[in-house]
């Protein structure tokens, strides 16, 4: 029988891969930033589903730490490129 949480994790990881393709092939810088934020959010949701499926809080802790680092990095990139033309 297929575990529902593992199926949700797989679907969210496929969504994340699709968004990462969007990050690489979009034209403007700000579209890349938005796509990167969506990718981090989808990957965080996949980590949450995987944590529930495995019953492990370690996966959840790593997911939260990586999501915070990624959000901080993306916000830093946006603030540094705010004055530049797209």
C-alpha atoms as a PDB file:
ATOM      1  CA  UNK A   1       0.000   0.000   0.000  1.00  0.00           C
ATOM      2  CA  UNK A   2       1.242   3.473  -0.863  1.00  0.00           C
ATOM      3  CA  UNK A   3       1.869   5.769   2.074  1.00  0.00           C
ATOM      4  CA  UNK A   4       0.002   9.038   1.548  1.00  0.00           C
ATOM      5  CA  UNK A   5       2.728  11.184   3.093  1.00  0.00           C
ATOM      6  CA  UNK A   6       5.421   9.660   0.913  1.00  0.00           C
ATOM      7  CA  UNK A   7       3.270  10.246  -2.172  1.00  0.00           C
ATOM      8  CA  UNK A   8       2.773  13.872  -1.108  1.00  0.00           C
ATOM      9  CA  UNK A   9       6.546  14.180  -0.624  1.00  0.00           C
ATOM     10  CA  UNK A  10       7.181  12.827  -4.106  1.00  0.00           C
ATOM     11  CA  UNK A  11       4.652  15.211  -5.659  1.00  0.00           C
ATOM     12  CA  UNK A  12       6.138  18.208  -3.850  1.00  0.00           C
ATOM     13  CA  UNK A  13       9.652  17.231  -4.902  1.00  0.00           C
ATOM     14  CA  UNK A  14       8.512  17.020  -8.527  1.00  0.00           C
ATOM     15  CA  UNK A  15       6.948  20.455  -8.130  1.00  0.00           C
ATOM     16  CA  UNK A  16      10.224  21.754  -6.708  1.00  0.00           C
ATOM     17  CA  UNK A  17      12.162  20.384  -9.671  1.00  0.00           C
ATOM     18  CA  UNK A  18       9.737  22.055 -12.055  1.00  0.00           C
ATOM     19  CA  UNK A  19      10.140  25.376 -10.292  1.00  0.00           C
ATOM     20  CA  UNK A  20      13.932  25.025 -10.349  1.00  0.00           C
ATOM     21  CA  UNK A  21      13.702  24.667 -14.125  1.00  0.00           C
ATOM     22  CA  UNK A  22      11.752  27.926 -14.076  1.00  0.00           C
ATOM     23  CA  UNK A  23      14.526  29.520 -12.012  1.00  0.00           C
ATOM     24  CA  UNK A  24      17.109  28.595 -14.625  1.00  0.00           C
ATOM     25  CA  UNK A  25      15.154  29.564 -17.753  1.00  0.00           C
ATOM     26  CA  UNK A  26      13.290  32.722 -16.888  1.00  0.00           C
ATOM     27  CA  UNK A  27      14.281  36.072 -18.338  1.00  0.00           C
ATOM     28  CA  UNK A  28      14.149  38.644 -15.541  1.00  0.00           C
ATOM     29  CA  UNK A  29      16.015  38.591 -12.276  1.00  0.00           C
ATOM     30  CA  UNK A  30      12.915  39.229 -10.178  1.00  0.00           C
ATOM     31  CA  UNK A  31      11.067  36.296 -11.728  1.00  0.00           C
ATOM     32  CA  UNK A  32      14.013  34.148 -10.676  1.00  0.00           C
ATOM     33  CA  UNK A  33      13.753  35.433  -7.115  1.00  0.00           C
ATOM     34  CA  UNK A  34      10.045  34.656  -6.920  1.00  0.00           C
ATOM     35  CA  UNK A  35      10.577  31.203  -8.433  1.00  0.00           C
ATOM     36  CA  UNK A  36      13.382  30.536  -5.944  1.00  0.00           C
ATOM     37  CA  UNK A  37      11.089  31.470  -3.060  1.00  0.00           C
ATOM     38  CA  UNK A  38       8.417  29.119  -4.407  1.00  0.00           C
ATOM     39  CA  UNK A  39      11.035  26.359  -4.727  1.00  0.00           C
ATOM     40  CA  UNK A  40      12.160  26.826  -1.126  1.00  0.00           C
ATOM     41  CA  UNK A  41       8.543  26.773   0.068  1.00  0.00           C
ATOM     42  CA  UNK A  42       7.737  23.598  -1.882  1.00  0.00           C
ATOM     43  CA  UNK A  43      10.928  21.919  -0.670  1.00  0.00           C
ATOM     44  CA  UNK A  44      10.062  22.870   2.912  1.00  0.00           C
ATOM     45  CA  UNK A  45       6.610  21.364   2.517  1.00  0.00           C
ATOM     46  CA  UNK A  46       8.205  18.206   1.089  1.00  0.00           C
ATOM     47  CA  UNK A  47      10.510  18.057   4.108  1.00  0.00           C
ATOM     48  CA  UNK A  48       7.537  18.410   6.423  1.00  0.00           C
ATOM     49  CA  UNK A  49       5.692  15.582   4.669  1.00  0.00           C
ATOM     50  CA  UNK A  50       8.801  13.399   4.773  1.00  0.00           C
ATOM     51  CA  UNK A  51       9.209  14.119   8.474  1.00  0.00           C
ATOM     52  CA  UNK A  52       5.639  13.010   9.111  1.00  0.00           C
ATOM     53  CA  UNK A  53       6.051   9.908   6.939  1.00  0.00           C
ATOM     54  CA  UNK A  54       9.246   8.822   8.686  1.00  0.00           C
ATOM     55  CA  UNK A  55       8.224   9.988  12.144  1.00  0.00           C
ATOM     56  CA  UNK A  56      11.563  11.755  12.556  1.00  0.00           C
ATOM     57  CA  UNK A  57      12.014  15.207  14.034  1.00  0.00           C
ATOM     58  CA  UNK A  58      15.577  15.352  12.720  1.00  0.00           C
ATOM     59  CA  UNK A  59      14.284  15.693   9.151  1.00  0.00           C
ATOM     60  CA  UNK A  60      11.994  18.518  10.264  1.00  0.00           C
ATOM     61  CA  UNK A  61      14.834  20.320  12.063  1.00  0.00           C
ATOM     62  CA  UNK A  62      17.104  20.125   9.025  1.00  0.00           C
ATOM     63  CA  UNK A  63      14.266  21.307   6.777  1.00  0.00           C
ATOM     64  CA  UNK A  64      13.541  24.339   8.937  1.00  0.00           C
ATOM     65  CA  UNK A  65      17.218  25.307   9.185  1.00  0.00           C
ATOM     66  CA  UNK A  66      17.757  24.985   5.428  1.00  0.00           C
ATOM     67  CA  UNK A  67      14.585  26.941   4.675  1.00  0.00           C
ATOM     68  CA  UNK A  68      15.678  29.787   6.962  1.00  0.00           C
ATOM     69  CA  UNK A  69      19.125  29.901   5.358  1.00  0.00           C
ATOM     70  CA  UNK A  70      17.646  29.885   1.848  1.00  0.00           C
ATOM     71  CA  UNK A  71      15.097  32.608   2.634  1.00  0.00           C
ATOM     72  CA  UNK A  72      17.821  34.763   4.175  1.00  0.00           C
ATOM     73  CA  UNK A  73      20.085  34.283   1.159  1.00  0.00           C
ATOM     74  CA  UNK A  74      17.322  35.134  -1.303  1.00  0.00           C
ATOM     75  CA  UNK A  75      16.345  38.246   0.637  1.00  0.00           C
ATOM     76  CA  UNK A  76      20.005  39.317   0.733  1.00  0.00           C
ATOM     77  CA  UNK A  77      20.292  38.866  -3.041  1.00  0.00           C
ATOM     78  CA  UNK A  78      17.143  40.910  -3.593  1.00  0.00           C
ATOM     79  CA  UNK A  79      18.292  43.721  -1.314  1.00  0.00           C
ATOM     80  CA  UNK A  80      21.710  43.907  -2.998  1.00  0.00           C
ATOM     81  CA  UNK A  81      20.201  44.016  -6.482  1.00  0.00           C
ATOM     82  CA  UNK A  82      17.360  46.409  -5.612  1.00  0.00           C
ATOM     83  CA  UNK A  83      18.969  49.461  -7.237  1.00  0.00           C
ATOM     84  CA  UNK A  84      20.158  47.679 -10.371  1.00  0.00           C
ATOM     85  CA  UNK A  85      18.155  47.477 -13.582  1.00  0.00           C
ATOM     86  CA  UNK A  86      16.631  44.063 -14.414  1.00  0.00           C
END
